[in-house]
């Protein structure tokens, strides 16, 4: 058979079926485990107060770890009625998320134990293995390591990550019947299909479904 016998490939215009992800790969947990993680932290020192405030921020705002690491004290602010966190999210998008009462309390307790300048990093790294804080910001890589330590200490699966809290929060809200578009707004997604990837609700086909087929 000679090469180039067929000038055009007759199958060139044929497209195979698209592979569609219906669920993301980020592992998630449930609200009970998330609460247990918060409650497992000893808050008799400033490092414990910091870690609890960081974890609560990720759980109760569904923000990315990078946004947490970039927070400054001025980003925790009030309009006289309620408190907010101003988040610098992925792609430079700035968003303002209201603080629920317990998150507000956790941050206020931490700030009271770690006074600082209005323009200083909100969350600061510790001085070595001491229980005192430096002036250095607590970077994303530091937060990842802290989360792993806290998960291990609480006896929770090591497969969980910072991003797991984002998926857990999204699933929890969807299970409660919160509209997808509201969850999408909280997560800061431009496309609802991205939000659906964070939905960890059971998608198994049940017998109840197939029994309803009218054939």
N, C-alpha and C. Protein backbone atom coordinates (compact mmCIF):
# COMPACT_ATOMS: atom_id res chain seq x y z
N UNK A 1 0.85 -1.21 0.00
CA UNK A 1 0.00 0.00 0.00
C UNK A 1 0.88 1.24 0.00
N UNK A 2 0.61 2.12 -0.97
CA UNK A 2 1.43 3.32 -1.08
C UNK A 2 0.93 4.40 -0.12
N UNK A 3 1.88 5.18 0.39
CA UNK A 3 1.53 6.29 1.26
C UNK A 3 0.85 7.39 0.47
N UNK A 4 -0.04 8.15 1.14
CA UNK A 4 -0.75 9.29 0.54
C UNK A 4 -1.69 8.86 -0.58
N UNK A 5 -2.15 7.62 -0.52
CA UNK A 5 -3.08 7.18 -1.57
C UNK A 5 -4.41 7.90 -1.43
N UNK A 6 -4.80 8.23 -0.18
CA UNK A 6 -6.02 8.98 0.07
C UNK A 6 -5.63 10.39 0.50
N UNK A 7 -6.04 11.37 -0.28
CA UNK A 7 -5.62 12.75 -0.01
C UNK A 7 -6.24 13.26 1.28
N UNK A 8 -7.54 13.00 1.45
CA UNK A 8 -8.24 13.47 2.65
C UNK A 8 -8.71 12.29 3.48
N UNK A 9 -8.58 12.41 4.78
CA UNK A 9 -9.05 11.37 5.69
C UNK A 9 -10.56 11.49 5.82
N UNK A 10 -11.33 10.50 5.38
CA UNK A 10 -12.79 10.60 5.44
C UNK A 10 -13.34 10.65 6.86
N UNK A 11 -12.52 10.26 7.83
CA UNK A 11 -12.98 10.27 9.23
C UNK A 11 -12.56 11.53 9.98
N UNK A 12 -11.91 12.46 9.26
CA UNK A 12 -11.36 13.64 9.93
C UNK A 12 -12.44 14.49 10.60
N UNK A 13 -13.64 14.51 10.04
CA UNK A 13 -14.70 15.36 10.59
C UNK A 13 -15.50 14.69 11.69
N UNK A 14 -15.20 13.42 11.95
CA UNK A 14 -15.95 12.68 12.96
C UNK A 14 -15.42 13.04 14.34
N UNK A 15 -16.31 13.35 15.25
CA UNK A 15 -15.92 13.67 16.62
C UNK A 15 -16.46 12.61 17.57
N UNK A 16 -15.59 12.13 18.43
CA UNK A 16 -16.01 11.14 19.43
C UNK A 16 -16.83 11.80 20.52
N UNK A 17 -17.43 10.99 21.37
CA UNK A 17 -18.25 11.55 22.45
C UNK A 17 -17.39 12.31 23.45
N UNK A 18 -17.93 13.40 23.95
CA UNK A 18 -17.21 14.17 24.95
C UNK A 18 -17.23 13.44 26.29
N UNK A 19 -16.10 13.53 26.99
CA UNK A 19 -16.02 12.99 28.33
C UNK A 19 -16.41 14.10 29.29
N UNK A 20 -17.47 13.89 30.05
CA UNK A 20 -18.01 14.95 30.90
C UNK A 20 -17.83 14.57 32.36
N UNK A 21 -17.13 15.41 33.10
CA UNK A 21 -17.00 15.19 34.54
C UNK A 21 -18.26 15.69 35.24
N UNK A 22 -18.89 14.82 36.04
CA UNK A 22 -20.07 15.25 36.78
C UNK A 22 -19.74 15.52 38.23
N UNK A 23 -18.54 15.18 38.63
CA UNK A 23 -18.12 15.43 40.00
C UNK A 23 -16.62 15.69 40.02
N UNK A 24 -16.20 16.65 40.82
CA UNK A 24 -14.79 16.98 40.89
C UNK A 24 -14.00 15.91 41.63
N UNK A 25 -12.70 16.05 41.60
CA UNK A 25 -11.82 15.08 42.22
C UNK A 25 -11.40 15.46 43.63
N UNK A 26 -11.72 16.68 44.05
CA UNK A 26 -11.34 17.12 45.38
C UNK A 26 -12.10 16.33 46.45
N UNK A 27 -11.41 15.66 47.38
CA UNK A 27 -12.12 14.93 48.43
C UNK A 27 -12.83 15.89 49.37
N UNK A 28 -14.00 15.50 49.83
CA UNK A 28 -14.74 16.34 50.77
C UNK A 28 -15.04 15.54 52.03
N UNK A 29 -15.58 16.22 53.02
CA UNK A 29 -15.98 15.56 54.25
C UNK A 29 -17.42 15.99 54.54
N UNK A 30 -17.87 15.84 55.78
CA UNK A 30 -19.22 16.25 56.13
C UNK A 30 -19.16 17.32 57.22
N UNK A 31 -20.27 18.05 57.44
CA UNK A 31 -20.26 19.12 58.44
C UNK A 31 -19.86 18.66 59.83
N UNK A 32 -20.22 17.45 60.21
CA UNK A 32 -19.88 16.95 61.55
C UNK A 32 -18.37 16.86 61.72
N UNK A 33 -17.66 16.36 60.71
CA UNK A 33 -16.20 16.27 60.79
C UNK A 33 -15.57 17.65 60.78
N UNK A 34 -16.14 18.56 59.99
CA UNK A 34 -15.61 19.93 59.96
C UNK A 34 -15.74 20.59 61.33
N UNK A 35 -16.90 20.41 61.97
CA UNK A 35 -17.09 20.98 63.31
C UNK A 35 -16.14 20.32 64.32
N UNK A 36 -15.96 19.00 64.19
CA UNK A 36 -15.05 18.29 65.09
C UNK A 36 -13.63 18.82 64.96
N UNK A 37 -13.25 19.17 63.74
CA UNK A 37 -11.91 19.72 63.52
C UNK A 37 -11.75 21.05 64.24
N UNK A 38 -12.73 21.91 64.14
CA UNK A 38 -12.68 23.21 64.82
C UNK A 38 -12.61 23.01 66.34
N UNK A 39 -13.42 22.08 66.84
CA UNK A 39 -13.49 21.87 68.28
C UNK A 39 -12.26 21.17 68.84
N UNK A 40 -11.47 20.54 67.97
CA UNK A 40 -10.29 19.82 68.44
C UNK A 40 -9.11 20.74 68.74
N UNK A 41 -9.20 21.99 68.34
CA UNK A 41 -8.08 22.92 68.46
C UNK A 41 -8.04 23.55 69.84
N UNK A 42 -6.91 23.45 70.50
CA UNK A 42 -6.70 24.12 71.78
C UNK A 42 -6.51 25.61 71.55
N UNK A 43 -7.32 26.42 72.18
CA UNK A 43 -7.27 27.86 71.93
C UNK A 43 -6.77 28.64 73.14
N UNK A 44 -5.91 28.02 73.93
CA UNK A 44 -5.33 28.71 75.07
C UNK A 44 -4.13 29.55 74.71
N UNK A 45 -3.78 29.60 73.43
CA UNK A 45 -2.65 30.42 72.96
C UNK A 45 -3.00 30.99 71.60
N UNK A 46 -2.22 31.95 71.15
CA UNK A 46 -2.54 32.69 69.94
C UNK A 46 -2.46 31.83 68.68
N UNK A 47 -1.58 30.83 68.66
CA UNK A 47 -1.46 29.97 67.46
C UNK A 47 -2.74 29.14 67.28
N UNK A 48 -3.28 28.64 68.39
CA UNK A 48 -4.53 27.90 68.29
C UNK A 48 -5.68 28.79 67.85
N UNK A 49 -5.73 30.01 68.36
CA UNK A 49 -6.76 30.96 67.94
C UNK A 49 -6.63 31.28 66.46
N UNK A 50 -5.39 31.43 66.00
CA UNK A 50 -5.15 31.72 64.57
C UNK A 50 -5.63 30.56 63.71
N UNK A 51 -5.24 29.34 64.07
CA UNK A 51 -5.58 28.18 63.24
C UNK A 51 -7.08 27.97 63.19
N UNK A 52 -7.77 28.14 64.32
CA UNK A 52 -9.23 28.00 64.32
C UNK A 52 -9.88 29.05 63.43
N UNK A 53 -9.37 30.29 63.48
CA UNK A 53 -9.93 31.36 62.66
C UNK A 53 -9.70 31.09 61.18
N UNK A 54 -8.53 30.56 60.84
CA UNK A 54 -8.23 30.25 59.43
C UNK A 54 -9.15 29.15 58.92
N UNK A 55 -9.27 28.07 59.67
CA UNK A 55 -10.13 26.96 59.25
C UNK A 55 -11.59 27.42 59.12
N UNK A 56 -12.05 28.21 60.08
CA UNK A 56 -13.42 28.70 60.02
C UNK A 56 -13.63 29.62 58.82
N UNK A 57 -12.62 30.41 58.48
CA UNK A 57 -12.72 31.28 57.32
C UNK A 57 -12.92 30.46 56.05
N UNK A 58 -12.16 29.38 55.90
CA UNK A 58 -12.30 28.54 54.70
C UNK A 58 -13.65 27.82 54.69
N UNK A 59 -14.12 27.40 55.85
CA UNK A 59 -15.39 26.68 55.91
C UNK A 59 -16.58 27.59 55.69
N UNK A 60 -16.56 28.78 56.29
CA UNK A 60 -17.75 29.63 56.31
C UNK A 60 -17.78 30.68 55.21
N UNK A 61 -16.72 30.76 54.40
CA UNK A 61 -16.76 31.63 53.22
C UNK A 61 -16.52 30.85 51.94
N UNK A 62 -16.09 29.58 52.07
CA UNK A 62 -15.79 28.72 50.91
C UNK A 62 -14.72 29.34 50.01
N UNK A 63 -13.82 30.12 50.60
CA UNK A 63 -12.78 30.77 49.80
C UNK A 63 -11.59 29.83 49.62
N UNK A 64 -10.75 30.17 48.67
CA UNK A 64 -9.53 29.40 48.41
C UNK A 64 -8.45 29.78 49.42
N UNK A 65 -7.51 28.86 49.62
CA UNK A 65 -6.46 29.09 50.60
C UNK A 65 -5.60 30.30 50.22
N UNK A 66 -5.42 30.54 48.92
CA UNK A 66 -4.64 31.69 48.49
C UNK A 66 -5.26 33.00 48.93
N UNK A 67 -6.59 33.07 48.93
CA UNK A 67 -7.27 34.28 49.38
C UNK A 67 -7.09 34.50 50.88
N UNK A 68 -7.07 33.40 51.63
CA UNK A 68 -6.87 33.50 53.08
C UNK A 68 -5.48 34.05 53.39
N UNK A 69 -4.48 33.55 52.68
CA UNK A 69 -3.10 33.96 52.95
C UNK A 69 -2.86 35.43 52.62
N UNK A 70 -3.68 36.00 51.73
CA UNK A 70 -3.49 37.40 51.33
C UNK A 70 -4.30 38.39 52.16
N UNK A 71 -5.09 37.91 53.10
CA UNK A 71 -5.92 38.81 53.90
C UNK A 71 -5.06 39.75 54.75
N UNK A 72 -5.47 41.01 54.79
CA UNK A 72 -4.87 42.00 55.69
C UNK A 72 -5.90 42.34 56.76
N UNK A 73 -5.44 42.95 57.84
CA UNK A 73 -6.37 43.30 58.91
C UNK A 73 -7.50 44.19 58.41
N UNK A 74 -7.19 45.08 57.51
CA UNK A 74 -8.20 46.00 57.00
C UNK A 74 -9.29 45.27 56.21
N UNK A 75 -9.01 44.04 55.78
CA UNK A 75 -10.00 43.28 55.01
C UNK A 75 -11.10 42.70 55.89
N UNK A 76 -10.90 42.71 57.19
CA UNK A 76 -11.94 42.34 58.14
C UNK A 76 -12.55 43.65 58.63
N UNK A 77 -13.72 43.98 58.15
CA UNK A 77 -14.26 45.32 58.40
C UNK A 77 -15.77 45.26 58.58
N UNK A 78 -16.33 46.35 59.06
CA UNK A 78 -17.76 46.43 59.29
C UNK A 78 -18.34 47.68 58.63
N UNK A 79 -19.62 47.57 58.27
CA UNK A 79 -20.33 48.74 57.75
C UNK A 79 -21.22 49.34 58.82
N UNK A 80 -21.03 48.92 60.07
CA UNK A 80 -21.84 49.40 61.17
C UNK A 80 -22.99 48.47 61.50
N UNK A 81 -23.30 47.56 60.58
CA UNK A 81 -24.39 46.60 60.81
C UNK A 81 -23.86 45.18 60.95
N UNK A 82 -22.93 44.80 60.06
CA UNK A 82 -22.34 43.47 60.14
C UNK A 82 -20.89 43.51 59.67
N UNK A 83 -20.17 42.42 59.95
CA UNK A 83 -18.76 42.33 59.58
C UNK A 83 -18.60 41.55 58.28
N UNK A 84 -17.54 41.91 57.54
CA UNK A 84 -17.26 41.29 56.25
C UNK A 84 -15.78 40.91 56.16
N UNK A 85 -15.51 40.00 55.23
CA UNK A 85 -14.14 39.74 54.79
C UNK A 85 -14.04 40.12 53.33
N UNK A 86 -13.07 40.95 53.00
CA UNK A 86 -12.81 41.33 51.61
C UNK A 86 -11.74 40.38 51.08
N UNK A 87 -12.09 39.55 50.12
CA UNK A 87 -11.21 38.49 49.64
C UNK A 87 -10.66 38.80 48.26
N UNK A 88 -9.36 38.64 48.11
CA UNK A 88 -8.70 38.78 46.81
C UNK A 88 -8.59 37.39 46.23
N UNK A 89 -9.53 37.03 45.36
CA UNK A 89 -9.65 35.66 44.90
C UNK A 89 -8.85 35.41 43.62
N UNK A 90 -8.99 34.20 43.11
CA UNK A 90 -8.31 33.75 41.90
C UNK A 90 -8.58 34.69 40.73
N UNK A 91 -7.52 35.03 40.01
CA UNK A 91 -7.67 35.92 38.86
C UNK A 91 -7.80 37.38 39.23
N UNK A 92 -7.52 37.71 40.49
CA UNK A 92 -7.56 39.11 40.91
C UNK A 92 -8.95 39.64 41.21
N UNK A 93 -9.94 38.74 41.26
CA UNK A 93 -11.31 39.17 41.54
C UNK A 93 -11.47 39.44 43.03
N UNK A 94 -11.93 40.63 43.38
CA UNK A 94 -12.16 41.01 44.78
C UNK A 94 -13.62 40.75 45.12
N UNK A 95 -13.85 40.06 46.23
CA UNK A 95 -15.21 39.75 46.66
C UNK A 95 -15.37 40.07 48.13
N UNK A 96 -16.58 40.39 48.52
CA UNK A 96 -16.87 40.71 49.91
C UNK A 96 -17.90 39.71 50.43
N UNK A 97 -17.53 38.95 51.47
CA UNK A 97 -18.39 37.92 52.02
C UNK A 97 -18.76 38.29 53.45
N UNK A 98 -20.04 38.27 53.81
CA UNK A 98 -20.44 38.54 55.20
C UNK A 98 -19.92 37.45 56.13
N UNK A 99 -19.54 37.84 57.35
CA UNK A 99 -19.09 36.88 58.35
C UNK A 99 -20.28 36.43 59.19
N UNK A 100 -20.51 35.13 59.27
CA UNK A 100 -21.52 34.65 60.20
C UNK A 100 -21.02 34.88 61.62
N UNK A 101 -21.90 34.83 62.60
CA UNK A 101 -21.56 35.30 63.94
C UNK A 101 -20.40 34.54 64.57
N UNK A 102 -20.34 33.20 64.35
CA UNK A 102 -19.25 32.46 64.99
C UNK A 102 -17.91 32.74 64.32
N UNK A 103 -17.90 32.91 63.00
CA UNK A 103 -16.66 33.28 62.31
C UNK A 103 -16.18 34.65 62.80
N UNK A 104 -17.10 35.59 62.90
CA UNK A 104 -16.74 36.91 63.42
C UNK A 104 -16.10 36.79 64.80
N UNK A 105 -16.70 35.96 65.65
CA UNK A 105 -16.17 35.78 67.00
C UNK A 105 -14.79 35.17 67.01
N UNK A 106 -14.56 34.17 66.16
CA UNK A 106 -13.25 33.53 66.09
C UNK A 106 -12.17 34.53 65.67
N UNK A 107 -12.48 35.35 64.67
CA UNK A 107 -11.50 36.32 64.18
C UNK A 107 -11.25 37.39 65.24
N UNK A 108 -12.29 37.85 65.90
CA UNK A 108 -12.13 38.87 66.93
C UNK A 108 -11.30 38.34 68.10
N UNK A 109 -11.51 37.10 68.50
CA UNK A 109 -10.71 36.52 69.57
C UNK A 109 -9.24 36.43 69.17
N UNK A 110 -8.99 36.04 67.93
CA UNK A 110 -7.62 35.95 67.44
C UNK A 110 -6.97 37.33 67.40
N UNK A 111 -7.67 38.32 66.88
CA UNK A 111 -7.12 39.68 66.78
C UNK A 111 -6.81 40.25 68.16
N UNK A 112 -7.67 39.97 69.14
CA UNK A 112 -7.43 40.46 70.49
C UNK A 112 -6.15 39.90 71.08
N UNK A 113 -5.80 38.66 70.67
CA UNK A 113 -4.59 38.03 71.18
C UNK A 113 -3.36 38.35 70.33
N UNK A 114 -3.57 38.95 69.16
CA UNK A 114 -2.46 39.26 68.25
C UNK A 114 -2.62 40.66 67.70
N UNK A 115 -2.50 41.69 68.55
CA UNK A 115 -2.67 43.06 68.07
C UNK A 115 -1.64 43.42 67.01
N UNK A 116 -2.04 44.30 66.12
CA UNK A 116 -1.14 44.68 65.03
C UNK A 116 -1.67 45.86 64.26
N UNK A 117 -0.90 46.29 63.29
CA UNK A 117 -1.24 47.44 62.46
C UNK A 117 -2.39 47.11 61.52
N UNK A 118 -3.13 48.14 61.16
CA UNK A 118 -4.30 48.00 60.28
C UNK A 118 -3.91 47.39 58.92
N UNK A 119 -2.71 47.67 58.46
CA UNK A 119 -2.27 47.16 57.16
C UNK A 119 -1.46 45.87 57.26
N UNK A 120 -1.31 45.33 58.45
CA UNK A 120 -0.53 44.11 58.65
C UNK A 120 -1.30 42.90 58.13
N UNK A 121 -0.59 41.79 57.87
CA UNK A 121 -1.28 40.56 57.49
C UNK A 121 -2.26 40.15 58.58
N UNK A 122 -3.42 39.68 58.20
CA UNK A 122 -4.39 39.25 59.20
C UNK A 122 -3.87 38.00 59.92
N UNK A 123 -3.40 37.03 59.15
CA UNK A 123 -2.88 35.80 59.74
C UNK A 123 -1.36 35.76 59.57
N UNK A 124 -0.66 35.62 60.71
CA UNK A 124 0.80 35.69 60.70
C UNK A 124 1.40 34.36 61.11
N UNK A 125 2.60 34.11 60.59
CA UNK A 125 3.31 32.86 60.88
C UNK A 125 3.89 32.90 62.28
N UNK A 126 4.08 31.73 62.85
CA UNK A 126 4.67 31.62 64.19
C UNK A 126 6.18 31.77 64.11
N UNK A 127 6.78 32.11 65.23
CA UNK A 127 8.23 32.18 65.34
C UNK A 127 8.76 30.78 65.64
N UNK A 128 9.20 30.10 64.59
CA UNK A 128 9.71 28.74 64.76
C UNK A 128 8.66 27.84 65.37
N UNK A 129 9.06 27.11 66.41
CA UNK A 129 8.13 26.20 67.09
C UNK A 129 7.53 26.83 68.35
N UNK A 130 7.70 28.12 68.48
CA UNK A 130 7.15 28.81 69.64
C UNK A 130 5.66 29.04 69.44
N UNK A 131 5.01 29.52 70.47
CA UNK A 131 3.59 29.86 70.39
C UNK A 131 3.40 31.36 70.27
N UNK A 132 4.41 32.01 69.69
CA UNK A 132 4.35 33.45 69.44
C UNK A 132 4.37 33.70 67.94
N UNK A 133 3.80 34.82 67.54
CA UNK A 133 3.71 35.13 66.12
C UNK A 133 4.79 36.10 65.67
N UNK A 134 5.24 35.90 64.43
CA UNK A 134 6.17 36.83 63.81
C UNK A 134 5.37 37.90 63.07
N UNK A 135 6.05 38.73 62.33
CA UNK A 135 5.38 39.73 61.50
C UNK A 135 5.17 39.20 60.08
N UNK A 136 5.66 38.00 59.82
CA UNK A 136 5.58 37.42 58.47
C UNK A 136 4.19 36.86 58.21
N UNK A 137 3.66 37.08 56.99
CA UNK A 137 2.33 36.53 56.68
C UNK A 137 2.35 35.01 56.67
N UNK A 138 1.26 34.42 57.03
CA UNK A 138 1.09 32.97 57.00
C UNK A 138 0.74 32.58 55.56
N UNK A 139 1.71 32.10 54.83
CA UNK A 139 1.53 31.86 53.41
C UNK A 139 0.71 30.60 53.14
N UNK A 140 0.26 30.47 51.87
CA UNK A 140 -0.60 29.34 51.50
C UNK A 140 0.05 28.01 51.81
N UNK A 141 1.34 27.87 51.52
CA UNK A 141 2.03 26.61 51.80
C UNK A 141 2.06 26.31 53.30
N UNK A 142 2.17 27.36 54.12
CA UNK A 142 2.13 27.19 55.56
C UNK A 142 0.76 26.71 56.03
N UNK A 143 -0.28 27.28 55.43
CA UNK A 143 -1.64 26.90 55.79
C UNK A 143 -1.90 25.45 55.41
N UNK A 144 -1.42 25.02 54.24
CA UNK A 144 -1.58 23.62 53.83
C UNK A 144 -0.96 22.69 54.87
N UNK A 145 0.23 23.02 55.33
CA UNK A 145 0.90 22.17 56.33
C UNK A 145 0.15 22.19 57.65
N UNK A 146 -0.34 23.36 58.04
CA UNK A 146 -1.10 23.46 59.29
C UNK A 146 -2.36 22.59 59.23
N UNK A 147 -3.05 22.63 58.11
CA UNK A 147 -4.28 21.84 57.96
C UNK A 147 -3.98 20.35 58.09
N UNK A 148 -2.90 19.90 57.47
CA UNK A 148 -2.52 18.48 57.58
C UNK A 148 -2.25 18.10 59.04
N UNK A 149 -1.55 18.97 59.76
CA UNK A 149 -1.27 18.70 61.18
C UNK A 149 -2.56 18.63 61.99
N UNK A 150 -3.45 19.56 61.74
CA UNK A 150 -4.70 19.61 62.49
C UNK A 150 -5.60 18.41 62.15
N UNK A 151 -5.62 18.00 60.91
CA UNK A 151 -6.39 16.82 60.52
C UNK A 151 -5.88 15.58 61.23
N UNK A 152 -4.56 15.43 61.26
CA UNK A 152 -3.96 14.27 61.92
C UNK A 152 -4.27 14.26 63.41
N UNK A 153 -4.15 15.42 64.04
CA UNK A 153 -4.40 15.52 65.48
C UNK A 153 -5.86 15.23 65.82
N UNK A 154 -6.77 15.54 64.89
CA UNK A 154 -8.19 15.32 65.12
C UNK A 154 -8.63 13.92 64.70
N UNK A 155 -7.71 13.14 64.15
CA UNK A 155 -8.05 11.79 63.71
C UNK A 155 -8.89 11.74 62.46
N UNK A 156 -8.79 12.76 61.61
CA UNK A 156 -9.55 12.83 60.38
C UNK A 156 -8.70 12.37 59.20
N UNK A 157 -9.31 11.96 58.09
CA UNK A 157 -8.56 11.42 56.95
C UNK A 157 -7.51 12.39 56.42
N UNK A 158 -6.31 11.87 56.18
CA UNK A 158 -5.22 12.71 55.68
C UNK A 158 -5.40 13.09 54.22
N UNK A 159 -6.35 12.44 53.53
CA UNK A 159 -6.59 12.76 52.13
C UNK A 159 -7.25 14.13 51.96
N UNK A 160 -7.85 14.63 53.04
CA UNK A 160 -8.50 15.94 52.97
C UNK A 160 -7.47 17.06 52.80
N UNK A 161 -7.89 18.13 52.16
CA UNK A 161 -7.02 19.28 51.90
C UNK A 161 -7.77 20.58 52.22
N UNK A 162 -7.08 21.69 52.06
CA UNK A 162 -7.74 22.99 52.24
C UNK A 162 -8.95 23.12 51.30
N UNK A 163 -8.81 22.63 50.09
CA UNK A 163 -9.88 22.75 49.10
C UNK A 163 -11.08 21.88 49.46
N UNK A 164 -10.85 20.87 50.31
CA UNK A 164 -11.95 20.00 50.72
C UNK A 164 -13.05 20.77 51.44
N UNK A 165 -12.67 21.81 52.17
CA UNK A 165 -13.67 22.58 52.90
C UNK A 165 -14.58 23.33 51.93
N UNK A 166 -14.02 23.73 50.81
CA UNK A 166 -14.80 24.42 49.77
C UNK A 166 -15.87 23.47 49.20
N UNK A 167 -15.44 22.24 48.91
CA UNK A 167 -16.39 21.24 48.40
C UNK A 167 -17.42 20.86 49.45
N UNK A 168 -16.98 20.74 50.69
CA UNK A 168 -17.88 20.36 51.78
C UNK A 168 -18.96 21.43 51.99
N UNK A 169 -18.56 22.69 51.99
CA UNK A 169 -19.51 23.78 52.17
C UNK A 169 -20.51 23.83 51.03
N UNK A 170 -20.04 23.68 49.78
CA UNK A 170 -20.93 23.71 48.63
C UNK A 170 -21.95 22.59 48.70
N UNK A 171 -21.50 21.38 49.01
CA UNK A 171 -22.40 20.23 49.09
C UNK A 171 -23.42 20.41 50.21
N UNK A 172 -22.96 20.90 51.36
CA UNK A 172 -23.85 21.11 52.50
C UNK A 172 -24.98 22.07 52.14
N UNK A 173 -24.65 23.17 51.46
CA UNK A 173 -25.67 24.15 51.09
C UNK A 173 -26.65 23.57 50.06
N UNK A 174 -26.13 22.84 49.08
CA UNK A 174 -27.00 22.24 48.07
C UNK A 174 -27.92 21.20 48.68
N UNK A 175 -27.43 20.43 49.64
CA UNK A 175 -28.27 19.43 50.31
C UNK A 175 -29.40 20.08 51.10
N UNK A 176 -29.18 21.32 51.54
CA UNK A 176 -30.21 22.05 52.28
C UNK A 176 -31.20 22.75 51.36
N UNK A 177 -30.99 22.61 50.04
CA UNK A 177 -31.91 23.22 49.09
C UNK A 177 -31.56 24.63 48.69
N UNK A 178 -30.36 25.10 49.04
CA UNK A 178 -29.94 26.43 48.59
C UNK A 178 -29.78 26.39 47.08
N UNK A 179 -30.35 27.34 46.34
CA UNK A 179 -30.26 27.33 44.88
C UNK A 179 -28.82 27.30 44.38
N UNK A 180 -28.62 26.60 43.28
CA UNK A 180 -27.29 26.47 42.70
C UNK A 180 -26.67 27.82 42.42
N UNK A 181 -27.49 28.79 41.95
CA UNK A 181 -26.92 30.09 41.60
C UNK A 181 -26.40 30.83 42.84
N UNK A 182 -27.02 30.60 44.00
CA UNK A 182 -26.53 31.23 45.23
C UNK A 182 -25.21 30.61 45.68
N UNK A 183 -25.10 29.29 45.55
CA UNK A 183 -23.85 28.61 45.88
C UNK A 183 -22.76 29.03 44.89
N UNK A 184 -23.14 29.17 43.63
CA UNK A 184 -22.20 29.63 42.61
C UNK A 184 -21.65 31.01 42.97
N UNK A 185 -22.50 31.90 43.45
CA UNK A 185 -22.08 33.24 43.83
C UNK A 185 -21.12 33.19 45.02
N UNK A 186 -21.42 32.33 46.00
CA UNK A 186 -20.54 32.20 47.16
C UNK A 186 -19.16 31.71 46.74
N UNK A 187 -19.12 30.73 45.85
CA UNK A 187 -17.84 30.18 45.42
C UNK A 187 -17.12 31.06 44.42
N UNK A 188 -17.82 32.04 43.84
CA UNK A 188 -17.19 32.95 42.89
C UNK A 188 -16.95 32.35 41.53
N UNK A 189 -17.83 31.43 41.12
CA UNK A 189 -17.68 30.79 39.82
C UNK A 189 -18.42 31.57 38.74
N UNK A 190 -17.80 31.69 37.57
CA UNK A 190 -18.46 32.35 36.45
C UNK A 190 -19.45 31.41 35.77
N UNK A 191 -19.22 30.10 35.87
CA UNK A 191 -20.02 29.11 35.15
C UNK A 191 -20.63 28.14 36.17
N UNK A 192 -21.94 27.94 36.15
CA UNK A 192 -22.57 27.00 37.10
C UNK A 192 -22.07 25.57 36.94
N UNK A 193 -21.57 25.22 35.76
CA UNK A 193 -21.05 23.86 35.57
C UNK A 193 -19.84 23.62 36.47
N UNK A 194 -19.07 24.66 36.74
CA UNK A 194 -17.94 24.52 37.66
C UNK A 194 -18.43 24.28 39.07
N UNK A 195 -19.50 24.97 39.46
CA UNK A 195 -20.06 24.77 40.79
C UNK A 195 -20.57 23.35 40.97
N UNK A 196 -21.16 22.78 39.93
CA UNK A 196 -21.68 21.41 40.02
C UNK A 196 -20.57 20.40 40.30
N UNK A 197 -19.35 20.72 39.91
CA UNK A 197 -18.24 19.80 40.19
C UNK A 197 -17.96 19.69 41.68
N UNK A 198 -18.41 20.68 42.45
CA UNK A 198 -18.20 20.67 43.89
C UNK A 198 -19.34 19.97 44.63
N UNK A 199 -20.33 19.53 43.90
CA UNK A 199 -21.50 18.89 44.49
C UNK A 199 -21.19 17.42 44.74
N UNK A 200 -21.12 17.04 46.02
CA UNK A 200 -20.79 15.65 46.36
C UNK A 200 -22.03 14.86 46.77
N UNK A 201 -23.21 15.36 46.44
CA UNK A 201 -24.40 14.59 46.76
C UNK A 201 -24.42 13.30 45.96
N UNK A 202 -25.05 12.28 46.53
CA UNK A 202 -25.08 10.96 45.91
C UNK A 202 -25.79 11.03 44.56
N UNK A 203 -25.09 10.66 43.49
CA UNK A 203 -25.67 10.68 42.15
C UNK A 203 -25.99 9.27 41.65
N UNK A 204 -26.00 8.28 42.54
CA UNK A 204 -26.28 6.91 42.15
C UNK A 204 -27.71 6.79 41.65
N UNK A 205 -27.89 6.05 40.54
CA UNK A 205 -29.22 5.79 40.03
C UNK A 205 -29.91 4.79 40.96
N UNK A 206 -31.07 5.16 41.50
CA UNK A 206 -31.77 4.29 42.44
C UNK A 206 -32.87 3.50 41.73
N UNK A 207 -33.36 2.46 42.40
CA UNK A 207 -34.44 1.66 41.84
C UNK A 207 -35.70 2.50 41.67
N UNK A 208 -35.89 3.47 42.56
CA UNK A 208 -37.06 4.34 42.46
C UNK A 208 -37.11 5.05 41.12
N UNK A 209 -35.94 5.37 40.58
CA UNK A 209 -35.89 6.06 39.29
C UNK A 209 -36.29 5.10 38.16
N UNK A 210 -35.67 3.92 38.12
CA UNK A 210 -35.95 3.01 37.00
C UNK A 210 -37.36 2.44 37.05
N UNK A 211 -37.95 2.32 38.25
CA UNK A 211 -39.30 1.83 38.35
C UNK A 211 -40.31 2.82 37.75
N UNK A 212 -39.91 4.05 37.59
CA UNK A 212 -40.82 5.08 37.06
C UNK A 212 -40.82 5.15 35.55
N UNK A 213 -39.97 4.35 34.91
CA UNK A 213 -39.96 4.31 33.44
C UNK A 213 -41.28 3.75 32.94
N UNK A 214 -41.93 4.42 32.02
CA UNK A 214 -43.32 4.08 31.62
C UNK A 214 -43.41 3.12 30.45
N UNK A 215 -42.36 2.45 30.11
CA UNK A 215 -42.40 1.53 28.96
C UNK A 215 -43.24 0.30 29.32
